[in-house]
Amino acid sequence: MISQFYDTHAHLDFKDFDADISEVVERATAAGISRIITIGTTLEKSARAIEIAARFPSVYAAVGVHPGHVDESPEEIREALLHLASHPKVVAIGEIGLDFFRRPSDSVPDPELEAINRRRQHSLFRQQLEVASVAGLNVIIHTRDSFNPTMDVFRSYAYRVRGVFHCWVGSVEEMREVTALGSLVSFTGIATFKNGENVRASIAAAAAGSFMLETDCPFLAPMPHRGKRCEPAYIAGMAPMMAAVRSETVEALSLDTCRTARLFFPRLE
């Protein structure tokens, strides 16, 4: 019997999947991936995520504005986002957060532009946390080169919403800061990379019920597919290695991560 898993973070709206999205979902189902959450990164892409979720019974959506897209986003998004979040197949607000790795200018660094960009990131992050609390949904958090500032904002809302820090690459100590707030982390195919020792350390240390699995497809295809397009079916290939790191069976990993996802995403049927 194939063990069941969920892909809790995919980007099925990306052009990488335009030609064969039905086949991608079919391969996931055949591999035992019974639920996929496709993630919005702009208001327009969030609407597209909902359209995809409506097409496939196993696919659900998250809606939000990624910090890398704040400069092309309206300054005020609460009303529009709350409307999107009312759809019954929307299970979370995300992905949202702070990203200080990307810079607003591709040419010479501009401190003034960077300061404006960071203020906008903070504003939209807070707006989306507010929408999540009103909508009764948890949040999917993106943080890159910004863990401490992200936590500084999130702590103010942690008593109202829970977060999953997706594509976890932080330290075990940072992971424990997240889980101490009742929030989660999520692991990708980076765990299968030769240079993924820190991710494997977090997987080994994570308490049951404190983490989920994801692909972040079309990015981060696990070994032996590294460098190619990633897709939700690859969760099944990642699971044995992750279970071995935790000294548990694949079935135990399946039961724990699926239960954790259902508790975190209450609308996930």
Protein backbone atom coordinates (compact mmCIF):
# COMPACT_ATOMS: atom_id res chain seq x y z
CA MET A 1 0.00 0.00 0.00
CA ILE A 2 1.30 3.46 -0.95
CA SER A 3 1.76 5.83 1.98
CA GLN A 4 -0.26 9.01 1.77
CA PHE A 5 1.43 12.42 1.84
CA TYR A 6 0.45 16.05 1.29
CA ASP A 7 2.38 18.64 -0.70
CA THR A 8 1.66 21.68 1.44
CA HIS A 9 3.41 24.22 -0.82
CA ALA A 10 3.35 24.13 -4.61
CA HIS A 11 3.12 26.78 -7.34
CA LEU A 12 0.90 25.11 -9.92
CA ASP A 13 -0.01 28.50 -11.42
CA PHE A 14 3.53 28.98 -12.76
CA LYS A 15 4.05 28.71 -16.51
CA ASP A 16 6.17 25.60 -15.93
CA PHE A 17 2.90 23.66 -15.52
CA ASP A 18 0.78 25.27 -18.25
CA ALA A 19 1.22 22.43 -20.72
CA ASP A 20 0.59 19.44 -18.48
CA ILE A 21 -1.03 20.44 -15.18
CA SER A 22 -3.62 17.63 -15.38
CA GLU A 23 -0.88 15.04 -15.83
CA VAL A 24 1.10 16.59 -12.94
CA VAL A 25 -1.88 16.21 -10.62
CA GLU A 26 -2.51 12.67 -11.88
CA ARG A 27 1.11 11.67 -11.21
CA ALA A 28 0.85 13.11 -7.72
CA THR A 29 -2.29 11.10 -7.01
CA ALA A 30 -0.66 7.92 -8.34
CA ALA A 31 2.33 8.54 -6.03
CA GLY A 32 0.06 8.84 -2.98
CA ILE A 33 0.02 12.65 -2.77
CA SER A 34 -3.62 13.07 -1.86
CA ARG A 35 -3.62 16.83 -1.17
CA ILE A 36 -1.76 19.70 -2.83
CA ILE A 37 -1.86 23.33 -1.73
CA THR A 38 -1.05 25.74 -4.55
CA ILE A 39 0.22 29.07 -3.31
CA GLY A 40 -0.56 32.62 -4.41
CA THR A 41 2.23 35.19 -4.72
CA THR A 42 0.22 38.20 -5.97
CA LEU A 43 -3.49 39.03 -5.87
CA GLU A 44 -3.79 37.98 -9.52
CA LYS A 45 -1.86 34.76 -9.00
CA SER A 46 -3.93 34.05 -5.90
CA ALA A 47 -7.08 34.22 -8.03
CA ARG A 48 -5.40 31.84 -10.46
CA ALA A 49 -4.55 29.48 -7.59
CA ILE A 50 -8.23 29.40 -6.65
CA GLU A 51 -9.18 28.62 -10.26
CA ILE A 52 -6.76 25.67 -10.27
CA ALA A 53 -8.04 24.43 -6.91
CA ALA A 54 -11.60 24.54 -8.23
CA ARG A 55 -10.57 22.29 -11.16
CA PHE A 56 -9.04 19.46 -9.13
CA PRO A 57 -10.60 17.84 -6.04
CA SER A 58 -7.18 17.17 -4.47
CA VAL A 59 -5.90 20.73 -4.91
CA TYR A 60 -6.47 23.61 -2.46
CA ALA A 61 -5.24 27.19 -2.49
CA ALA A 62 -3.50 29.77 -0.34
CA VAL A 63 -3.83 33.46 -1.18
CA GLY A 64 -1.40 36.26 -0.49
CA VAL A 65 1.27 38.64 -1.74
CA HIS A 66 4.86 37.39 -1.62
CA PRO A 67 7.38 39.95 -0.29
CA GLY A 68 9.19 39.79 -3.63
CA HIS A 69 6.11 41.28 -5.31
CA VAL A 70 5.30 44.19 -3.00
CA ASP A 71 6.48 46.84 -5.47
CA GLU A 72 3.87 45.72 -8.00
CA SER A 73 1.10 45.32 -5.42
CA PRO A 74 -1.49 47.88 -4.32
CA GLU A 75 -0.49 49.51 -1.04
CA GLU A 76 -3.79 48.48 0.57
CA ILE A 77 -4.80 44.85 0.00
CA ARG A 78 -6.93 43.88 2.99
CA GLU A 79 -10.35 44.05 1.33
CA ALA A 80 -9.24 42.27 -1.85
CA LEU A 81 -7.41 39.58 0.08
CA LEU A 82 -10.30 39.00 2.47
CA HIS A 83 -12.58 38.49 -0.55
CA LEU A 84 -10.21 35.90 -2.02
CA ALA A 85 -9.91 34.18 1.35
CA SER A 86 -13.67 33.62 1.51
CA HIS A 87 -13.50 30.93 -1.18
CA PRO A 88 -14.15 27.50 0.41
CA LYS A 89 -11.03 25.94 -1.11
CA VAL A 90 -8.72 28.60 0.33
CA VAL A 91 -6.97 27.05 3.33
CA ALA A 92 -4.42 29.73 4.32
CA ILE A 93 -3.05 33.20 3.73
CA GLY A 94 0.29 32.97 1.99
CA GLU A 95 2.86 33.17 1.07
CA ILE A 96 3.66 36.28 3.05
CA GLY A 97 6.63 37.59 5.00
CA LEU A 98 9.90 39.46 4.54
CA ASP A 99 12.70 38.92 2.03
CA PHE A 100 15.87 40.99 2.41
CA PHE A 101 17.86 38.87 -0.06
CA ARG A 102 16.16 40.33 -3.13
CA ARG A 103 16.87 43.97 -3.87
CA PRO A 104 14.51 46.47 -5.54
CA SER A 105 17.20 47.52 -8.03
CA ASP A 106 19.16 45.23 -10.32
CA SER A 107 21.81 47.87 -10.90
CA VAL A 108 23.74 49.91 -8.33
CA PRO A 109 22.30 49.40 -4.81
CA ASP A 110 20.03 52.29 -3.85
CA PRO A 111 19.61 52.65 -0.05
CA GLU A 112 16.55 54.88 -0.44
CA LEU A 113 14.75 52.42 -2.71
CA GLU A 114 15.69 49.58 -0.41
CA ALA A 115 14.27 51.41 2.62
CA ILE A 116 11.01 52.10 0.78
CA ASN A 117 10.80 48.46 -0.31
CA ARG A 118 11.33 47.20 3.24
CA ARG A 119 8.66 49.54 4.61
CA ARG A 120 6.22 48.20 2.01
CA GLN A 121 7.16 44.62 2.89
CA HIS A 122 6.43 45.29 6.55
CA SER A 123 3.12 47.00 5.74
CA LEU A 124 1.83 44.19 3.53
CA PHE A 125 3.06 41.52 5.94
CA ARG A 126 1.08 43.13 8.77
CA GLN A 127 -2.00 43.65 6.59
CA GLN A 128 -2.02 39.99 5.62
CA LEU A 129 -1.59 38.83 9.20
CA GLU A 130 -4.59 40.99 10.10
CA VAL A 131 -6.66 39.43 7.28
CA ALA A 132 -5.67 35.96 8.45
CA SER A 133 -6.87 36.70 11.97
CA VAL A 134 -10.20 38.04 10.68
CA ALA A 135 -10.67 35.13 8.25
CA GLY A 136 -9.74 32.50 10.83
CA LEU A 137 -6.93 31.15 8.67
CA ASN A 138 -3.31 30.38 9.42
CA VAL A 139 -0.42 31.83 7.41
CA ILE A 140 2.38 30.51 5.21
CA ILE A 141 5.52 32.53 5.89
CA HIS A 142 8.42 33.28 3.57
CA THR A 143 11.60 34.57 5.19
CA ARG A 144 14.96 35.02 3.51
CA ASP A 145 17.88 36.87 5.09
CA SER A 146 15.26 38.26 7.48
CA PHE A 147 14.50 35.70 10.19
CA ASN A 148 14.77 38.05 13.19
CA PRO A 149 12.76 40.92 11.60
CA THR A 150 10.14 38.39 10.46
CA MET A 151 9.82 37.01 13.96
CA ASP A 152 9.62 40.54 15.41
CA VAL A 153 6.51 41.18 13.30
CA PHE A 154 5.00 37.73 13.67
CA ARG A 155 5.24 37.59 17.45
CA SER A 156 2.67 40.40 17.67
CA TYR A 157 0.12 38.17 15.91
CA ALA A 158 1.17 34.72 17.13
CA TYR A 159 -1.59 34.64 19.74
CA ARG A 160 -4.17 35.06 16.92
CA VAL A 161 -2.76 33.03 14.03
CA ARG A 162 -0.30 30.20 13.58
CA GLY A 163 2.35 30.23 10.88
CA VAL A 164 4.29 27.66 8.91
CA PHE A 165 7.77 28.87 7.98
CA HIS A 166 8.02 27.22 4.61
CA CYS A 167 11.14 25.87 2.88
CA TRP A 168 12.93 25.69 6.21
CA VAL A 169 16.71 26.19 5.98
CA GLY A 170 17.31 27.80 9.38
CA SER A 171 19.06 26.40 12.40
CA VAL A 172 17.64 24.00 14.96
CA GLU A 173 17.67 26.85 17.49
CA GLU A 174 15.67 29.10 15.16
CA MET A 175 13.23 26.26 14.48
CA ARG A 176 12.66 25.97 18.22
CA GLU A 177 11.87 29.70 18.36
CA VAL A 178 9.15 29.11 15.78
CA THR A 179 7.68 26.03 17.41
CA ALA A 180 7.72 27.68 20.85
CA LEU A 181 5.06 30.03 19.44
CA GLY A 182 2.90 27.06 18.43
CA SER A 183 3.88 27.47 14.79
CA LEU A 184 5.47 25.05 12.33
CA VAL A 185 8.23 24.61 9.79
CA SER A 186 8.09 22.81 6.46
CA PHE A 187 10.81 20.84 4.70
CA THR A 188 11.58 20.58 0.97
CA GLY A 189 13.82 18.54 -1.29
CA ILE A 190 16.80 20.57 -0.04
CA ALA A 191 17.00 17.83 2.59
CA THR A 192 18.22 15.44 -0.13
CA PHE A 193 21.02 17.75 -1.31
CA LYS A 194 24.63 17.00 -0.38
CA ASN A 195 24.86 20.47 1.19
CA GLY A 196 21.56 20.09 3.06
CA GLU A 197 23.10 19.01 6.37
CA ASN A 198 21.46 21.85 8.32
CA VAL A 199 18.03 20.89 6.98
CA ARG A 200 18.57 17.26 7.89
CA ALA A 201 19.60 18.36 11.38
CA SER A 202 16.31 20.22 11.76
CA ILE A 203 14.34 17.24 10.44
CA ALA A 204 16.00 14.98 13.01
CA ALA A 205 15.35 17.44 15.84
CA ALA A 206 11.77 18.40 14.94
CA ALA A 207 9.11 17.17 17.35
CA ALA A 208 6.20 15.18 15.97
CA GLY A 209 3.40 17.55 15.03
CA SER A 210 5.73 20.51 14.47
CA PHE A 211 6.51 20.16 10.75
CA MET A 212 5.06 19.42 7.33
CA LEU A 213 6.43 18.45 3.91
CA GLU A 214 6.40 20.44 0.67
CA THR A 215 8.05 20.64 -2.73
CA ASP A 216 7.93 24.40 -3.44
CA CYS A 217 7.64 23.20 -7.03
CA PRO A 218 8.60 23.98 -9.72
CA PHE A 219 11.71 24.78 -7.66
CA LEU A 220 14.05 22.62 -5.57
CA ALA A 221 13.58 19.22 -7.18
CA PRO A 222 15.04 16.58 -4.83
CA MET A 223 17.76 14.14 -5.76
CA PRO A 224 17.94 12.43 -8.22
CA HIS A 225 15.90 15.08 -10.11
CA ARG A 226 17.93 18.10 -9.00
CA GLY A 227 18.15 20.76 -11.70
CA LYS A 228 14.91 19.66 -13.35
CA ARG A 229 11.35 20.84 -12.85
CA CYS A 230 10.00 19.77 -9.48
CA GLU A 231 6.44 18.51 -9.04
CA PRO A 232 4.22 17.28 -6.17
CA ALA A 233 4.76 13.58 -6.88
CA TYR A 234 8.36 13.97 -5.72
CA ILE A 235 7.23 14.16 -2.09
CA ALA A 236 6.98 10.36 -2.24
CA GLY A 237 10.65 10.10 -3.22
CA MET A 238 11.77 12.46 -0.45
CA ALA A 239 9.87 10.69 2.31
CA PRO A 240 12.08 7.57 2.82
CA MET A 241 15.21 9.67 3.36
CA MET A 242 13.39 12.01 5.75
CA ALA A 243 11.97 9.07 7.70
CA ALA A 244 15.45 7.53 7.94
CA VAL A 245 16.88 10.80 9.28
CA ARG A 246 14.21 10.65 12.00
CA SER A 247 14.74 6.91 12.65
CA GLU A 248 11.08 6.20 11.96
CA THR A 249 9.05 4.42 9.31
CA VAL A 250 7.67 6.06 6.20
CA GLU A 251 4.19 5.23 7.43
CA ALA A 252 4.83 7.00 10.74
CA LEU A 253 6.06 10.06 8.83
CA SER A 254 2.95 9.91 6.65
CA LEU A 255 0.55 9.73 9.58
CA ASP A 256 2.29 12.52 11.49
CA THR A 257 2.70 15.02 8.66
CA CYS A 258 -0.80 14.51 7.23
CA ARG A 259 -2.38 14.90 10.66
CA THR A 260 -0.31 18.02 11.29
CA ALA A 261 -1.44 19.51 7.97
CA ARG A 262 -5.11 18.78 8.65
CA LEU A 263 -4.89 20.48 12.05
CA PHE A 264 -3.03 23.50 10.62
CA PHE A 265 -5.30 23.88 7.57
CA PRO A 266 -8.81 23.26 9.00
CA ARG A 267 -10.45 23.68 5.56
CA LEU A 268 -8.33 20.86 4.12
CA GLU A 269 -10.94 18.15 3.80
